[in-house]
């Protein structure tokens, strides 16, 4: 397996995330293959396993990223509403 610098690893991980977003959105989890994820990133299928154990693992990573962003937006909206309510008092 090729050795990657920390910067290369981070770029490849982000490329996998981006490819996963696109492929999972277009085809869903079931129809997206490891081969497609690897090909979209320009890596060998075996190299994929240096980053994730399975396509389900990258899917869960994407869900966690999405949920943390959603949580941030919800709390920002709650804070905004609280500020407005406090200003009216």
C-alpha atoms as a PDB file:
ATOM      1  CA  UNK A   1       0.000   0.000   0.000  1.00  0.00           C
ATOM      2  CA  UNK A   2       1.391   3.433  -0.877  1.00  0.00           C
ATOM      3  CA  UNK A   3       2.559   5.740   1.879  1.00  0.00           C
ATOM      4  CA  UNK A   4       0.863   9.131   1.993  1.00  0.00           C
ATOM      5  CA  UNK A   5       1.951  12.302   3.715  1.00  0.00           C
ATOM      6  CA  UNK A   6      -0.485  13.739   6.270  1.00  0.00           C
ATOM      7  CA  UNK A   7      -1.539  16.384   3.725  1.00  0.00           C
ATOM      8  CA  UNK A   8      -2.134  13.738   1.052  1.00  0.00           C
ATOM      9  CA  UNK A   9      -4.151  11.631   3.504  1.00  0.00           C
ATOM     10  CA  UNK A  10      -6.324  14.590   4.413  1.00  0.00           C
ATOM     11  CA  UNK A  11      -6.903  15.465   0.756  1.00  0.00           C
ATOM     12  CA  UNK A  12      -7.787  11.866  -0.118  1.00  0.00           C
ATOM     13  CA  UNK A  13     -10.131  11.618   2.863  1.00  0.00           C
ATOM     14  CA  UNK A  14     -11.871  14.828   1.750  1.00  0.00           C
ATOM     15  CA  UNK A  15     -12.028  13.533  -1.823  1.00  0.00           C
ATOM     16  CA  UNK A  16     -13.656  10.324  -0.543  1.00  0.00           C
ATOM     17  CA  UNK A  17     -16.152  12.365   1.479  1.00  0.00           C
ATOM     18  CA  UNK A  18     -16.987  14.482  -1.572  1.00  0.00           C
ATOM     19  CA  UNK A  19     -17.331  11.413  -3.802  1.00  0.00           C
ATOM     20  CA  UNK A  20     -19.472   9.708  -1.176  1.00  0.00           C
ATOM     21  CA  UNK A  21     -21.801  12.696  -0.912  1.00  0.00           C
ATOM     22  CA  UNK A  22     -22.282  12.741  -4.652  1.00  0.00           C
ATOM     23  CA  UNK A  23     -22.631   8.997  -5.208  1.00  0.00           C
ATOM     24  CA  UNK A  24     -24.842   8.302  -2.199  1.00  0.00           C
ATOM     25  CA  UNK A  25     -27.115  11.210  -3.105  1.00  0.00           C
ATOM     26  CA  UNK A  26     -27.431  10.014  -6.703  1.00  0.00           C
ATOM     27  CA  UNK A  27     -27.627   6.252  -6.172  1.00  0.00           C
ATOM     28  CA  UNK A  28     -28.143   5.554  -2.490  1.00  0.00           C
ATOM     29  CA  UNK A  29     -26.064   3.373  -0.223  1.00  0.00           C
ATOM     30  CA  UNK A  30     -27.063   0.032  -1.696  1.00  0.00           C
ATOM     31  CA  UNK A  31     -26.233   0.858  -5.326  1.00  0.00           C
ATOM     32  CA  UNK A  32     -22.972   2.680  -4.588  1.00  0.00           C
ATOM     33  CA  UNK A  33     -19.963   0.380  -4.730  1.00  0.00           C
ATOM     34  CA  UNK A  34     -16.489   0.586  -3.254  1.00  0.00           C
ATOM     35  CA  UNK A  35     -15.179   0.497  -6.791  1.00  0.00           C
ATOM     36  CA  UNK A  36     -17.153   3.638  -7.643  1.00  0.00           C
ATOM     37  CA  UNK A  37     -15.960   5.445  -4.505  1.00  0.00           C
ATOM     38  CA  UNK A  38     -12.343   4.525  -5.202  1.00  0.00           C
ATOM     39  CA  UNK A  39     -12.542   5.371  -8.911  1.00  0.00           C
ATOM     40  CA  UNK A  40     -14.136   8.761  -8.213  1.00  0.00           C
ATOM     41  CA  UNK A  41     -11.207   9.534  -5.926  1.00  0.00           C
ATOM     42  CA  UNK A  42      -8.532   8.123  -8.208  1.00  0.00           C
ATOM     43  CA  UNK A  43      -7.343   5.482  -5.756  1.00  0.00           C
ATOM     44  CA  UNK A  44      -7.246   1.697  -5.818  1.00  0.00           C
ATOM     45  CA  UNK A  45      -9.984  -0.209  -4.011  1.00  0.00           C
ATOM     46  CA  UNK A  46      -7.359  -1.584  -1.617  1.00  0.00           C
ATOM     47  CA  UNK A  47      -6.292   1.980  -0.749  1.00  0.00           C
ATOM     48  CA  UNK A  48      -9.883   2.793   0.207  1.00  0.00           C
ATOM     49  CA  UNK A  49      -9.421   0.459   3.202  1.00  0.00           C
ATOM     50  CA  UNK A  50      -6.627   2.684   4.523  1.00  0.00           C
ATOM     51  CA  UNK A  51      -9.346   5.261   5.167  1.00  0.00           C
ATOM     52  CA  UNK A  52     -12.552   3.300   5.826  1.00  0.00           C
ATOM     53  CA  UNK A  53     -13.460  -0.284   6.711  1.00  0.00           C
ATOM     54  CA  UNK A  54     -16.493  -0.313   4.412  1.00  0.00           C
ATOM     55  CA  UNK A  55     -18.815   1.861   2.364  1.00  0.00           C
ATOM     56  CA  UNK A  56     -21.157   1.834   5.365  1.00  0.00           C
ATOM     57  CA  UNK A  57     -18.389   3.398   7.475  1.00  0.00           C
ATOM     58  CA  UNK A  58     -17.972   6.330   5.078  1.00  0.00           C
ATOM     59  CA  UNK A  59     -21.772   6.660   4.919  1.00  0.00           C
ATOM     60  CA  UNK A  60     -21.936   6.883   8.729  1.00  0.00           C
ATOM     61  CA  UNK A  61     -19.131   9.449   8.682  1.00  0.00           C
ATOM     62  CA  UNK A  62     -21.164  11.534   6.236  1.00  0.00           C
ATOM     63  CA  UNK A  63     -24.259  11.237   8.416  1.00  0.00           C
ATOM     64  CA  UNK A  64     -22.288  12.398  11.452  1.00  0.00           C
ATOM     65  CA  UNK A  65     -20.916  15.378   9.549  1.00  0.00           C
ATOM     66  CA  UNK A  66     -24.404  16.277   8.358  1.00  0.00           C
ATOM     67  CA  UNK A  67     -25.954  15.890  11.805  1.00  0.00           C
ATOM     68  CA  UNK A  68     -23.323  18.067  13.503  1.00  0.00           C
ATOM     69  CA  UNK A  69     -23.929  20.825  10.948  1.00  0.00           C
ATOM     70  CA  UNK A  70     -27.665  20.480  11.423  1.00  0.00           C
ATOM     71  CA  UNK A  71     -27.257  20.689  15.191  1.00  0.00           C
ATOM     72  CA  UNK A  72     -25.219  23.884  14.806  1.00  0.00           C
ATOM     73  CA  UNK A  73     -27.957  25.422  12.650  1.00  0.00           C
ATOM     74  CA  UNK A  74     -30.680  24.423  15.102  1.00  0.00           C
ATOM     75  CA  UNK A  75     -28.836  25.879  18.081  1.00  0.00           C
ATOM     76  CA  UNK A  76     -28.104  29.079  16.151  1.00  0.00           C
ATOM     77  CA  UNK A  77     -31.832  29.404  15.375  1.00  0.00           C
ATOM     78  CA  UNK A  78     -32.723  28.734  19.022  1.00  0.00           C
ATOM     79  CA  UNK A  79     -30.232  31.355  20.158  1.00  0.00           C
ATOM     80  CA  UNK A  80     -31.624  33.851  17.647  1.00  0.00           C
ATOM     81  CA  UNK A  81     -35.191  33.209  18.838  1.00  0.00           C
ATOM     82  CA  UNK A  82     -34.110  33.536  22.480  1.00  0.00           C
ATOM     83  CA  UNK A  83     -32.429  36.846  21.722  1.00  0.00           C
ATOM     84  CA  UNK A  84     -35.580  38.135  20.018  1.00  0.00           C
ATOM     85  CA  UNK A  85     -37.762  36.997  22.921  1.00  0.00           C
ATOM     86  CA  UNK A  86     -35.467  38.705  25.424  1.00  0.00           C
ATOM     87  CA  UNK A  87     -35.520  41.941  23.432  1.00  0.00           C
ATOM     88  CA  UNK A  88     -39.335  42.034  23.501  1.00  0.00           C
ATOM     89  CA  UNK A  89     -39.438  41.815  27.322  1.00  0.00           C
END
